C-alpha atoms as a PDB file:
ATOM      1  CA  UNK A   1      71.304 -39.271 -33.971  1.00  0.00           C
ATOM      2  CA  UNK A   2      69.062 -36.836 -35.956  1.00  0.00           C
ATOM      3  CA  UNK A   3      66.026 -38.419 -34.249  1.00  0.00           C
ATOM      4  CA  UNK A   4      67.620 -37.748 -30.863  1.00  0.00           C
ATOM      5  CA  UNK A   5      68.260 -34.121 -31.716  1.00  0.00           C
ATOM      6  CA  UNK A   6      64.686 -33.561 -32.926  1.00  0.00           C
ATOM      7  CA  UNK A   7      63.347 -35.103 -29.784  1.00  0.00           C
ATOM      8  CA  UNK A   8      65.688 -33.089 -27.627  1.00  0.00           C
ATOM      9  CA  UNK A   9      64.448 -29.921 -29.277  1.00  0.00           C
ATOM     10  CA  UNK A  10      60.844 -30.944 -28.554  1.00  0.00           C
ATOM     11  CA  UNK A  11      61.403 -31.601 -24.910  1.00  0.00           C
ATOM     12  CA  UNK A  12      63.442 -28.419 -24.366  1.00  0.00           C
ATOM     13  CA  UNK A  13      60.607 -26.453 -25.979  1.00  0.00           C
ATOM     14  CA  UNK A  14      58.077 -28.177 -23.788  1.00  0.00           C
ATOM     15  CA  UNK A  15      60.036 -27.426 -20.598  1.00  0.00           C
ATOM     16  CA  UNK A  16      60.260 -23.776 -21.540  1.00  0.00           C
ATOM     17  CA  UNK A  17      56.462 -23.764 -21.994  1.00  0.00           C
ATOM     18  CA  UNK A  18      56.134 -25.260 -18.523  1.00  0.00           C
ATOM     19  CA  UNK A  19      58.262 -22.488 -17.094  1.00  0.00           C
ATOM     20  CA  UNK A  20      61.424 -24.524 -16.303  1.00  0.00           C
ATOM     21  CA  UNK A  21      63.794 -21.782 -17.481  1.00  0.00           C
ATOM     22  CA  UNK A  22      62.434 -19.106 -15.147  1.00  0.00           C
ATOM     23  CA  UNK A  23      62.234 -21.533 -12.209  1.00  0.00           C
ATOM     24  CA  UNK A  24      65.707 -22.952 -12.640  1.00  0.00           C
ATOM     25  CA  UNK A  25      67.313 -19.493 -12.971  1.00  0.00           C
ATOM     26  CA  UNK A  26      66.187 -18.556  -9.531  1.00  0.00           C
ATOM     27  CA  UNK A  27      67.254 -21.575  -7.549  1.00  0.00           C
ATOM     28  CA  UNK A  28      70.616 -22.538  -6.142  1.00  0.00           C
ATOM     29  CA  UNK A  29      69.769 -25.340  -3.759  1.00  0.00           C
ATOM     30  CA  UNK A  30      71.372 -28.775  -3.529  1.00  0.00           C
ATOM     31  CA  UNK A  31      69.728 -31.571  -1.501  1.00  0.00           C
ATOM     32  CA  UNK A  32      71.770 -34.306   0.168  1.00  0.00           C
ATOM     33  CA  UNK A  33      70.272 -37.413   1.862  1.00  0.00           C
ATOM     34  CA  UNK A  34      72.115 -38.463   5.023  1.00  0.00           C
ATOM     35  CA  UNK A  35      71.188 -42.140   5.271  1.00  0.00           C
ATOM     36  CA  UNK A  36      72.544 -42.788   8.833  1.00  0.00           C
ATOM     37  CA  UNK A  37      70.904 -39.708  10.307  1.00  0.00           C
ATOM     38  CA  UNK A  38      67.404 -39.697   8.622  1.00  0.00           C
ATOM     39  CA  UNK A  39      67.959 -36.148   7.461  1.00  0.00           C
ATOM     40  CA  UNK A  40      68.482 -34.026   4.323  1.00  0.00           C
ATOM     41  CA  UNK A  41      71.108 -31.345   4.233  1.00  0.00           C
ATOM     42  CA  UNK A  42      70.309 -28.351   2.055  1.00  0.00           C
ATOM     43  CA  UNK A  43      73.223 -26.559   0.346  1.00  0.00           C
ATOM     44  CA  UNK A  44      73.468 -23.178  -1.273  1.00  0.00           C
ATOM     45  CA  UNK A  45      75.558 -23.612  -4.463  1.00  0.00           C
ATOM     46  CA  UNK A  46      76.320 -19.909  -4.658  1.00  0.00           C
ATOM     47  CA  UNK A  47      78.614 -20.034  -1.607  1.00  0.00           C
ATOM     48  CA  UNK A  48      78.809 -23.789  -1.040  1.00  0.00           C
ATOM     49  CA  UNK A  49      77.346 -23.570   2.508  1.00  0.00           C
ATOM     50  CA  UNK A  50      74.890 -25.646   4.427  1.00  0.00           C
ATOM     51  CA  UNK A  51      71.690 -23.554   4.913  1.00  0.00           C
ATOM     52  CA  UNK A  52      69.372 -26.011   6.548  1.00  0.00           C
ATOM     53  CA  UNK A  53      68.796 -29.594   7.708  1.00  0.00           C
ATOM     54  CA  UNK A  54      65.401 -31.286   7.644  1.00  0.00           C
ATOM     55  CA  UNK A  55      64.219 -34.636   9.043  1.00  0.00           C
ATOM     56  CA  UNK A  56      62.710 -37.217   6.714  1.00  0.00           C
ATOM     57  CA  UNK A  57      62.232 -40.996   7.153  1.00  0.00           C
ATOM     58  CA  UNK A  58      64.513 -43.907   8.054  1.00  0.00           C
ATOM     59  CA  UNK A  59      67.614 -44.515   5.996  1.00  0.00           C
ATOM     60  CA  UNK A  60      67.081 -42.016   3.186  1.00  0.00           C
ATOM     61  CA  UNK A  61      68.970 -42.870  -0.022  1.00  0.00           C
ATOM     62  CA  UNK A  62      67.934 -41.493  -3.352  1.00  0.00           C
ATOM     63  CA  UNK A  63      66.984 -37.898  -4.043  1.00  0.00           C
ATOM     64  CA  UNK A  64      65.371 -36.212  -7.075  1.00  0.00           C
ATOM     65  CA  UNK A  65      63.903 -32.842  -7.851  1.00  0.00           C
ATOM     66  CA  UNK A  66      60.999 -31.801 -10.055  1.00  0.00           C
ATOM     67  CA  UNK A  67      61.337 -28.437 -11.761  1.00  0.00           C
ATOM     68  CA  UNK A  68      57.700 -28.387 -12.829  1.00  0.00           C
ATOM     69  CA  UNK A  69      56.276 -28.198  -9.293  1.00  0.00           C
ATOM     70  CA  UNK A  70      59.443 -27.385  -7.412  1.00  0.00           C
ATOM     71  CA  UNK A  71      59.240 -30.465  -5.228  1.00  0.00           C
ATOM     72  CA  UNK A  72      61.965 -32.626  -3.816  1.00  0.00           C
ATOM     73  CA  UNK A  73      61.611 -36.397  -3.462  1.00  0.00           C
ATOM     74  CA  UNK A  74      63.583 -38.447  -0.909  1.00  0.00           C
ATOM     75  CA  UNK A  75      63.517 -42.246  -0.832  1.00  0.00           C
ATOM     76  CA  UNK A  76      63.236 -43.638   2.724  1.00  0.00           C
ATOM     77  CA  UNK A  77      64.585 -47.177   2.487  1.00  0.00           C
ATOM     78  CA  UNK A  78      63.799 -47.969   6.103  1.00  0.00           C
ATOM     79  CA  UNK A  79      60.152 -46.925   5.836  1.00  0.00           C
ATOM     80  CA  UNK A  80      59.337 -48.152   2.318  1.00  0.00           C
ATOM     81  CA  UNK A  81      58.106 -44.761   1.271  1.00  0.00           C
ATOM     82  CA  UNK A  82      59.187 -41.447  -0.146  1.00  0.00           C
ATOM     83  CA  UNK A  83      59.058 -37.994   1.419  1.00  0.00           C
ATOM     84  CA  UNK A  84      57.745 -35.160  -0.760  1.00  0.00           C
ATOM     85  CA  UNK A  85      59.307 -31.814   0.173  1.00  0.00           C
ATOM     86  CA  UNK A  86      58.144 -28.341  -0.833  1.00  0.00           C
ATOM     87  CA  UNK A  87      61.372 -26.525  -1.839  1.00  0.00           C
ATOM     88  CA  UNK A  88      59.934 -23.093  -0.963  1.00  0.00           C
ATOM     89  CA  UNK A  89      59.216 -23.952   2.645  1.00  0.00           C
ATOM     90  CA  UNK A  90      61.625 -26.929   2.873  1.00  0.00           C
ATOM     91  CA  UNK A  91      58.877 -28.855   4.656  1.00  0.00           C
ATOM     92  CA  UNK A  92      57.566 -32.313   4.057  1.00  0.00           C
ATOM     93  CA  UNK A  93      54.121 -32.163   2.473  1.00  0.00           C
ATOM     94  CA  UNK A  94      53.421 -35.800   1.806  1.00  0.00           C
ATOM     95  CA  UNK A  95      54.604 -39.377   2.249  1.00  0.00           C
ATOM     96  CA  UNK A  96      53.911 -41.896  -0.528  1.00  0.00           C
ATOM     97  CA  UNK A  97      54.230 -45.647   0.050  1.00  0.00           C
ATOM     98  CA  UNK A  98      56.313 -47.663  -2.440  1.00  0.00           C
ATOM     99  CA  UNK A  99      57.778 -51.188  -2.627  1.00  0.00           C
ATOM    100  CA  UNK A 100      60.055 -52.990  -0.243  1.00  0.00           C
ATOM    101  CA  UNK A 101      63.550 -51.714   0.206  1.00  0.00           C
ATOM    102  CA  UNK A 102      63.421 -48.725  -2.185  1.00  0.00           C
ATOM    103  CA  UNK A 103      66.808 -47.172  -3.163  1.00  0.00           C
ATOM    104  CA  UNK A 104      66.616 -44.633  -5.947  1.00  0.00           C
ATOM    105  CA  UNK A 105      64.231 -42.354  -7.771  1.00  0.00           C
ATOM    106  CA  UNK A 106      63.874 -40.679 -11.151  1.00  0.00           C
ATOM    107  CA  UNK A 107      61.566 -37.932 -12.346  1.00  0.00           C
ATOM    108  CA  UNK A 108      59.964 -37.670 -15.812  1.00  0.00           C
ATOM    109  CA  UNK A 109      59.455 -33.909 -16.038  1.00  0.00           C
ATOM    110  CA  UNK A 110      57.884 -34.170 -19.468  1.00  0.00           C
ATOM    111  CA  UNK A 111      54.964 -36.317 -18.302  1.00  0.00           C
ATOM    112  CA  UNK A 112      55.201 -35.271 -14.589  1.00  0.00           C
ATOM    113  CA  UNK A 113      55.712 -38.801 -13.231  1.00  0.00           C
ATOM    114  CA  UNK A 114      58.042 -40.203 -10.586  1.00  0.00           C
ATOM    115  CA  UNK A 115      59.648 -43.652 -10.691  1.00  0.00           C
ATOM    116  CA  UNK A 116      60.981 -45.465  -7.593  1.00  0.00           C
ATOM    117  CA  UNK A 117      62.804 -48.819  -7.615  1.00  0.00           C
ATOM    118  CA  UNK A 118      62.525 -51.336  -4.804  1.00  0.00           C
ATOM    119  CA  UNK A 119      64.932 -54.234  -4.547  1.00  0.00           C
ATOM    120  CA  UNK A 120      63.187 -56.804  -2.431  1.00  0.00           C
ATOM    121  CA  UNK A 121      60.177 -57.080  -4.724  1.00  0.00           C
ATOM    122  CA  UNK A 122      61.845 -56.218  -8.092  1.00  0.00           C
ATOM    123  CA  UNK A 123      59.391 -53.348  -8.451  1.00  0.00           C
ATOM    124  CA  UNK A 124      59.085 -49.920 -10.007  1.00  0.00           C
ATOM    125  CA  UNK A 125      56.406 -47.849  -8.417  1.00  0.00           C
ATOM    126  CA  UNK A 126      54.987 -45.083 -10.615  1.00  0.00           C
ATOM    127  CA  UNK A 127      53.721 -41.950  -8.932  1.00  0.00           C
ATOM    128  CA  UNK A 128      51.621 -39.087 -10.303  1.00  0.00           C
ATOM    129  CA  UNK A 129      53.543 -35.928  -9.470  1.00  0.00           C
ATOM    130  CA  UNK A 130      50.445 -33.762  -9.325  1.00  0.00           C
ATOM    131  CA  UNK A 131      48.390 -35.849  -6.852  1.00  0.00           C
ATOM    132  CA  UNK A 132      51.361 -37.688  -5.178  1.00  0.00           C
ATOM    133  CA  UNK A 133      49.505 -40.981  -5.616  1.00  0.00           C
ATOM    134  CA  UNK A 134      50.654 -44.348  -6.979  1.00  0.00           C
ATOM    135  CA  UNK A 135      49.301 -44.996 -10.440  1.00  0.00           C
ATOM    136  CA  UNK A 136      51.128 -48.260 -11.399  1.00  0.00           C
ATOM    137  CA  UNK A 137      53.521 -50.946 -10.192  1.00  0.00           C
ATOM    138  CA  UNK A 138      55.834 -52.649 -12.711  1.00  0.00           C
ATOM    139  CA  UNK A 139      57.672 -55.886 -12.166  1.00  0.00           C
ATOM    140  CA  UNK A 140      61.150 -55.387 -13.576  1.00  0.00           C
ATOM    141  CA  UNK A 141      62.136 -59.014 -14.311  1.00  0.00           C
ATOM    142  CA  UNK A 142      65.144 -58.914 -12.040  1.00  0.00           C
ATOM    143  CA  UNK A 143      67.006 -61.882 -10.600  1.00  0.00           C
ATOM    144  CA  UNK A 144      64.766 -62.615  -7.661  1.00  0.00           C
ATOM    145  CA  UNK A 145      63.677 -61.468  -4.199  1.00  0.00           C
ATOM    146  CA  UNK A 146      66.084 -60.347  -1.528  1.00  0.00           C
ATOM    147  CA  UNK A 147      69.831 -60.418  -1.249  1.00  0.00           C
ATOM    148  CA  UNK A 148      70.144 -57.227  -3.252  1.00  0.00           C
ATOM    149  CA  UNK A 149      69.136 -59.086  -6.449  1.00  0.00           C
ATOM    150  CA  UNK A 150      66.239 -56.881  -7.445  1.00  0.00           C
ATOM    151  CA  UNK A 151      65.814 -53.467  -9.068  1.00  0.00           C
ATOM    152  CA  UNK A 152      68.710 -51.392  -7.680  1.00  0.00           C
ATOM    153  CA  UNK A 153      68.617 -48.134  -9.622  1.00  0.00           C
ATOM    154  CA  UNK A 154      66.459 -46.361 -12.168  1.00  0.00           C
ATOM    155  CA  UNK A 155      66.750 -43.581 -14.766  1.00  0.00           C
ATOM    156  CA  UNK A 156      64.295 -42.199 -17.263  1.00  0.00           C
ATOM    157  CA  UNK A 157      64.326 -40.972 -20.893  1.00  0.00           C
ATOM    158  CA  UNK A 158      61.105 -39.004 -21.230  1.00  0.00           C
ATOM    159  CA  UNK A 159      61.494 -38.227 -24.965  1.00  0.00           C
ATOM    160  CA  UNK A 160      61.329 -41.930 -25.836  1.00  0.00           C
ATOM    161  CA  UNK A 161      59.051 -42.799 -22.872  1.00  0.00           C
ATOM    162  CA  UNK A 162      61.511 -45.242 -21.467  1.00  0.00           C
ATOM    163  CA  UNK A 163      62.848 -46.154 -18.060  1.00  0.00           C
ATOM    164  CA  UNK A 164      66.011 -48.088 -17.435  1.00  0.00           C
ATOM    165  CA  UNK A 165      66.538 -50.279 -14.354  1.00  0.00           C
ATOM    166  CA  UNK A 166      69.677 -51.997 -13.316  1.00  0.00           C
ATOM    167  CA  UNK A 167      69.187 -55.321 -11.507  1.00  0.00           C
ATOM    168  CA  UNK A 168      71.543 -55.752  -8.626  1.00  0.00           C
ATOM    169  CA  UNK A 169      73.867 -58.843  -8.455  1.00  0.00           C
ATOM    170  CA  UNK A 170      72.973 -59.726 -12.076  1.00  0.00           C
ATOM    171  CA  UNK A 171      74.267 -58.718 -15.482  1.00  0.00           C
ATOM    172  CA  UNK A 172      71.097 -57.189 -16.786  1.00  0.00           C
ATOM    173  CA  UNK A 173      69.359 -53.848 -17.549  1.00  0.00           C
ATOM    174  CA  UNK A 174      65.575 -53.830 -17.797  1.00  0.00           C
ATOM    175  CA  UNK A 175      63.962 -51.484 -20.395  1.00  0.00           C
ATOM    176  CA  UNK A 176      60.495 -50.243 -19.530  1.00  0.00           C
ATOM    177  CA  UNK A 177      57.973 -48.624 -21.891  1.00  0.00           C
ATOM    178  CA  UNK A 178      56.565 -45.893 -19.585  1.00  0.00           C
ATOM    179  CA  UNK A 179      53.562 -45.296 -21.820  1.00  0.00           C
ATOM    180  CA  UNK A 180      52.414 -48.869 -21.266  1.00  0.00           C
ATOM    181  CA  UNK A 181      54.081 -49.447 -17.892  1.00  0.00           C
ATOM    182  CA  UNK A 182      55.650 -52.753 -18.934  1.00  0.00           C
ATOM    183  CA  UNK A 183      59.070 -54.279 -19.496  1.00  0.00           C
ATOM    184  CA  UNK A 184      59.816 -54.481 -23.226  1.00  0.00           C
ATOM    185  CA  UNK A 185      63.400 -55.739 -23.122  1.00  0.00           C
ATOM    186  CA  UNK A 186      66.387 -56.916 -21.141  1.00  0.00           C
ATOM    187  CA  UNK A 187      69.955 -55.904 -22.080  1.00  0.00           C
ATOM    188  CA  UNK A 188      73.051 -57.773 -21.051  1.00  0.00           C
ATOM    189  CA  UNK A 189      75.529 -55.330 -19.439  1.00  0.00           C
ATOM    190  CA  UNK A 190      78.410 -55.989 -17.059  1.00  0.00           C
ATOM    191  CA  UNK A 191      78.669 -57.767 -13.754  1.00  0.00           C
ATOM    192  CA  UNK A 192      76.709 -56.403 -10.801  1.00  0.00           C
ATOM    193  CA  UNK A 193      75.405 -53.149 -12.277  1.00  0.00           C
ATOM    194  CA  UNK A 194      74.661 -50.547  -9.640  1.00  0.00           C
ATOM    195  CA  UNK A 195      74.171 -47.191 -11.431  1.00  0.00           C
ATOM    196  CA  UNK A 196      72.355 -45.921 -14.528  1.00  0.00           C
ATOM    197  CA  UNK A 197      71.914 -42.505 -16.132  1.00  0.00           C
ATOM    198  CA  UNK A 198      70.616 -41.238 -19.485  1.00  0.00           C
ATOM    199  CA  UNK A 199      71.840 -38.315 -21.521  1.00  0.00           C
ATOM    200  CA  UNK A 200      68.578 -36.753 -22.596  1.00  0.00           C
ATOM    201  CA  UNK A 201      70.243 -34.839 -25.410  1.00  0.00           C
ATOM    202  CA  UNK A 202      71.813 -37.827 -27.142  1.00  0.00           C
ATOM    203  CA  UNK A 203      69.862 -40.803 -25.815  1.00  0.00           C
ATOM    204  CA  UNK A 204      72.991 -42.583 -24.598  1.00  0.00           C
ATOM    205  CA  UNK A 205      72.467 -44.737 -21.528  1.00  0.00           C
ATOM    206  CA  UNK A 206      75.362 -45.129 -19.037  1.00  0.00           C
ATOM    207  CA  UNK A 207      75.396 -48.350 -17.029  1.00  0.00           C
ATOM    208  CA  UNK A 208      77.862 -48.636 -14.066  1.00  0.00           C
ATOM    209  CA  UNK A 209      79.193 -52.177 -13.475  1.00  0.00           C
ATOM    210  CA  UNK A 210      80.512 -52.426  -9.936  1.00  0.00           C
ATOM    211  CA  UNK A 211      82.239 -55.820 -10.297  1.00  0.00           C
ATOM    212  CA  UNK A 212      83.815 -55.076 -13.662  1.00  0.00           C
ATOM    213  CA  UNK A 213      85.123 -51.572 -12.877  1.00  0.00           C
ATOM    214  CA  UNK A 214      83.553 -50.450 -16.108  1.00  0.00           C
ATOM    215  CA  UNK A 215      80.759 -48.347 -17.675  1.00  0.00           C
ATOM    216  CA  UNK A 216      78.771 -49.576 -20.642  1.00  0.00           C
ATOM    217  CA  UNK A 217      77.382 -47.034 -23.096  1.00  0.00           C
ATOM    218  CA  UNK A 218      74.063 -48.129 -24.628  1.00  0.00           C
ATOM    219  CA  UNK A 219      72.329 -46.686 -27.724  1.00  0.00           C
ATOM    220  CA  UNK A 220      68.746 -46.242 -26.526  1.00  0.00           C
ATOM    221  CA  UNK A 221      67.301 -46.543 -30.036  1.00  0.00           C
ATOM    222  CA  UNK A 222      68.997 -49.870 -30.753  1.00  0.00           C
ATOM    223  CA  UNK A 223      69.182 -51.132 -27.120  1.00  0.00           C
ATOM    224  CA  UNK A 224      72.722 -52.208 -27.925  1.00  0.00           C
ATOM    225  CA  UNK A 225      76.119 -51.570 -26.341  1.00  0.00           C
ATOM    226  CA  UNK A 226      78.281 -49.146 -28.272  1.00  0.00           C
ATOM    227  CA  UNK A 227      81.286 -48.823 -25.922  1.00  0.00           C
ATOM    228  CA  UNK A 228      82.820 -50.075 -22.722  1.00  0.00           C
ATOM    229  CA  UNK A 229      84.933 -47.579 -20.718  1.00  0.00           C
ATOM    230  CA  UNK A 230      87.176 -48.714 -17.857  1.00  0.00           C
ATOM    231  CA  UNK A 231      86.822 -46.579 -14.717  1.00  0.00           C
ATOM    232  CA  UNK A 232      87.988 -46.732 -11.082  1.00  0.00           C
ATOM    233  CA  UNK A 233      87.561 -49.332  -8.440  1.00  0.00           C
ATOM    234  CA  UNK A 234      84.097 -50.478  -7.395  1.00  0.00           C
ATOM    235  CA  UNK A 235      82.231 -47.710  -9.312  1.00  0.00           C
ATOM    236  CA  UNK A 236      78.762 -47.056  -7.944  1.00  0.00           C
ATOM    237  CA  UNK A 237      76.795 -44.375  -9.775  1.00  0.00           C
ATOM    238  CA  UNK A 238      76.718 -42.083 -12.770  1.00  0.00           C
ATOM    239  CA  UNK A 239      75.507 -38.504 -13.332  1.00  0.00           C
ATOM    240  CA  UNK A 240      75.305 -36.929 -16.780  1.00  0.00           C
ATOM    241  CA  UNK A 241      76.013 -33.272 -17.483  1.00  0.00           C
ATOM    242  CA  UNK A 242      73.727 -33.043 -20.493  1.00  0.00           C
ATOM    243  CA  UNK A 243      75.002 -29.826 -22.093  1.00  0.00           C
ATOM    244  CA  UNK A 244      78.634 -30.905 -21.821  1.00  0.00           C
ATOM    245  CA  UNK A 245      77.865 -34.514 -22.813  1.00  0.00           C
ATOM    246  CA  UNK A 246      80.047 -35.850 -20.024  1.00  0.00           C
ATOM    247  CA  UNK A 247      79.335 -38.519 -17.386  1.00  0.00           C
ATOM    248  CA  UNK A 248      80.720 -38.383 -13.888  1.00  0.00           C
ATOM    249  CA  UNK A 249      81.234 -41.810 -12.335  1.00  0.00           C
ATOM    250  CA  UNK A 250      81.669 -42.268  -8.578  1.00  0.00           C
ATOM    251  CA  UNK A 251      84.222 -44.920  -7.649  1.00  0.00           C
ATOM    252  CA  UNK A 252      83.765 -46.109  -4.074  1.00  0.00           C
ATOM    253  CA  UNK A 253      86.765 -48.364  -4.138  1.00  0.00           C
ATOM    254  CA  UNK A 254      89.508 -45.763  -4.762  1.00  0.00           C
ATOM    255  CA  UNK A 255      87.796 -42.516  -3.740  1.00  0.00           C
ATOM    256  CA  UNK A 256      87.732 -40.984  -7.195  1.00  0.00           C
ATOM    257  CA  UNK A 257      85.398 -39.695  -9.862  1.00  0.00           C
ATOM    258  CA  UNK A 258      85.954 -40.690 -13.454  1.00  0.00           C
ATOM    259  CA  UNK A 259      84.855 -38.225 -16.141  1.00  0.00           C
ATOM    260  CA  UNK A 260      83.803 -39.795 -19.433  1.00  0.00           C
ATOM    261  CA  UNK A 261      83.681 -37.660 -22.585  1.00  0.00           C
ATOM    262  CA  UNK A 262      80.748 -38.943 -24.622  1.00  0.00           C
ATOM    263  CA  UNK A 263      82.026 -37.743 -28.013  1.00  0.00           C
ATOM    264  CA  UNK A 264      85.286 -39.773 -27.737  1.00  0.00           C
ATOM    265  CA  UNK A 265      83.839 -42.398 -25.377  1.00  0.00           C
ATOM    266  CA  UNK A 266      87.062 -42.175 -23.387  1.00  0.00           C
ATOM    267  CA  UNK A 267      88.059 -41.080 -19.973  1.00  0.00           C
ATOM    268  CA  UNK A 268      88.757 -37.344 -19.854  1.00  0.00           C
ATOM    269  CA  UNK A 269      89.865 -37.040 -16.220  1.00  0.00           C
ATOM    270  CA  UNK A 270      90.132 -38.860 -12.890  1.00  0.00           C
ATOM    271  CA  UNK A 271      89.467 -36.684  -9.849  1.00  0.00           C
ATOM    272  CA  UNK A 272      90.376 -37.475  -6.254  1.00  0.00           C
ATOM    273  CA  UNK A 273      87.413 -36.842  -3.899  1.00  0.00           C
ATOM    274  CA  UNK A 274      86.404 -37.867  -0.391  1.00  0.00           C
ATOM    275  CA  UNK A 275      86.080 -41.349   1.131  1.00  0.00           C
ATOM    276  CA  UNK A 276      83.531 -43.667  -0.526  1.00  0.00           C
ATOM    277  CA  UNK A 277      81.888 -41.340  -3.075  1.00  0.00           C
ATOM    278  CA  UNK A 278      78.340 -42.346  -3.852  1.00  0.00           C
ATOM    279  CA  UNK A 279      76.495 -39.945  -6.130  1.00  0.00           C
ATOM    280  CA  UNK A 280      76.885 -36.651  -8.059  1.00  0.00           C
ATOM    281  CA  UNK A 281      74.686 -33.738  -9.115  1.00  0.00           C
ATOM    282  CA  UNK A 282      75.258 -30.494 -10.989  1.00  0.00           C
ATOM    283  CA  UNK A 283      74.474 -26.894 -10.218  1.00  0.00           C
ATOM    284  CA  UNK A 284      75.731 -24.254 -12.616  1.00  0.00           C
ATOM    285  CA  UNK A 285      79.382 -24.972 -13.507  1.00  0.00           C
ATOM    286  CA  UNK A 286      79.886 -27.222 -10.456  1.00  0.00           C
ATOM    287  CA  UNK A 287      79.548 -30.893  -9.696  1.00  0.00           C
ATOM    288  CA  UNK A 288      78.730 -31.978  -6.178  1.00  0.00           C
ATOM    289  CA  UNK A 289      79.754 -35.443  -4.971  1.00  0.00           C
ATOM    290  CA  UNK A 290      78.585 -37.152  -1.770  1.00  0.00           C
ATOM    291  CA  UNK A 291      81.261 -38.929   0.280  1.00  0.00           C
ATOM    292  CA  UNK A 292      79.670 -41.483   2.585  1.00  0.00           C
ATOM    293  CA  UNK A 293      82.634 -42.375   4.776  1.00  0.00           C
ATOM    294  CA  UNK A 294      83.740 -38.819   5.631  1.00  0.00           C
ATOM    295  CA  UNK A 295      80.395 -37.042   5.866  1.00  0.00           C
ATOM    296  CA  UNK A 296      81.206 -34.505   3.237  1.00  0.00           C
ATOM    297  CA  UNK A 297      80.434 -33.191  -0.272  1.00  0.00           C
ATOM    298  CA  UNK A 298      83.191 -32.485  -2.766  1.00  0.00           C
ATOM    299  CA  UNK A 299      82.758 -29.561  -5.093  1.00  0.00           C
ATOM    300  CA  UNK A 300      84.250 -29.861  -8.567  1.00  0.00           C
ATOM    301  CA  UNK A 301      84.633 -27.188 -11.279  1.00  0.00           C
ATOM    302  CA  UNK A 302      83.298 -28.976 -14.429  1.00  0.00           C
ATOM    303  CA  UNK A 303      85.240 -26.768 -16.799  1.00  0.00           C
ATOM    304  CA  UNK A 304      88.652 -27.706 -15.388  1.00  0.00           C
ATOM    305  CA  UNK A 305      87.695 -30.931 -13.569  1.00  0.00           C
ATOM    306  CA  UNK A 306      89.424 -29.699 -10.441  1.00  0.00           C
ATOM    307  CA  UNK A 307      88.297 -29.773  -6.873  1.00  0.00           C
ATOM    308  CA  UNK A 308      87.404 -26.342  -5.566  1.00  0.00           C
ATOM    309  CA  UNK A 309      86.168 -27.155  -2.120  1.00  0.00           C
ATOM    310  CA  UNK A 310      84.820 -29.651   0.395  1.00  0.00           C
ATOM    311  CA  UNK A 311      81.598 -29.078   2.403  1.00  0.00           C
ATOM    312  CA  UNK A 312      81.567 -30.779   5.787  1.00  0.00           C
ATOM    313  CA  UNK A 313      78.028 -31.646   6.750  1.00  0.00           C
ATOM    314  CA  UNK A 314      76.766 -30.896  10.304  1.00  0.00           C
ATOM    315  CA  UNK A 315      75.185 -33.500  12.512  1.00  0.00           C
ATOM    316  CA  UNK A 316      78.093 -35.931  12.981  1.00  0.00           C
ATOM    317  CA  UNK A 317      78.336 -37.276  16.555  1.00  0.00           C
ATOM    318  CA  UNK A 318      80.968 -39.301  18.312  1.00  0.00           C
ATOM    319  CA  UNK A 319      78.873 -42.434  17.907  1.00  0.00           C
ATOM    320  CA  UNK A 320      77.389 -41.927  14.436  1.00  0.00           C
ATOM    321  CA  UNK A 321      78.235 -40.423  11.086  1.00  0.00           C
ATOM    322  CA  UNK A 322      75.879 -39.287   8.386  1.00  0.00           C
ATOM    323  CA  UNK A 323      76.771 -41.287   5.306  1.00  0.00           C
ATOM    324  CA  UNK A 324      75.601 -38.789   2.731  1.00  0.00           C
ATOM    325  CA  UNK A 325      74.136 -40.763  -0.199  1.00  0.00           C
ATOM    326  CA  UNK A 326      71.811 -39.353  -2.795  1.00  0.00           C
ATOM    327  CA  UNK A 327      72.051 -35.808  -4.158  1.00  0.00           C
ATOM    328  CA  UNK A 328      69.998 -33.638  -6.456  1.00  0.00           C
ATOM    329  CA  UNK A 329      69.831 -29.913  -7.369  1.00  0.00           C
ATOM    330  CA  UNK A 330      67.538 -27.346  -8.875  1.00  0.00           C
END
């Protein structure tokens, strides 16, 4: 644990040098990918309103932000690429090709790299965030091609130069050395893992097991499980509030969010949200949860774990919804 704390201090110092504190203080934007509409809704977290909608590629899923260059990345599953958006103008400035059937994305803000998983070829595509060019492709060692058996989700731990990839319809988590761009281990987790997130302060990795209704906590130094926490039905994804050391788990099967306290490794709260919650992100003292089936975002106060509002997203027609999926914030 001491090693984690020392490393955490190093990365926090580095981010202050890069100017993260000044940039973050002046931004209040939340980005939501609407997979059925091919759009991104931009929310203002100060008043929880929709301020803009921009068009991206086909079937956008994952979203991530980069505080170093103030860029937003959106994974376009239907186009096998990512859209790079300038957050100042909210305009697309580049498209970067990735693997087949990409889903999610993670940003290493210490080394300024972007990692995108693609399921159909069990691949992680590494992108240089300065030039927006592909620098490496890593085979994850997943279960095989197609049928959602490949790399399904990815999270990074910059301080240890590690990336973690859950392999859909398997029981495994791939561990990647991001300095060497190669898989260095495979950890057995639960059945059909779908989500993964890392607490950069503690080095604890959260793995969401959809078929087991559980979350595994993994010690990143030992690459071993330290706890299993039961959650709601058909959990899908995890988001970690680093300063509070809490993980928010979206449960698609019962329309709830489970809050896990890392210190006790137990459930702190269960919060009712919208229909089919997919992902969560944090802005200030709020958590924002995308609800695919009712085209909305639920707003949660993280201090009290209570719902304070629901944001209905524009663009729903009689024939088609939005299915808001990925979400990220500055």
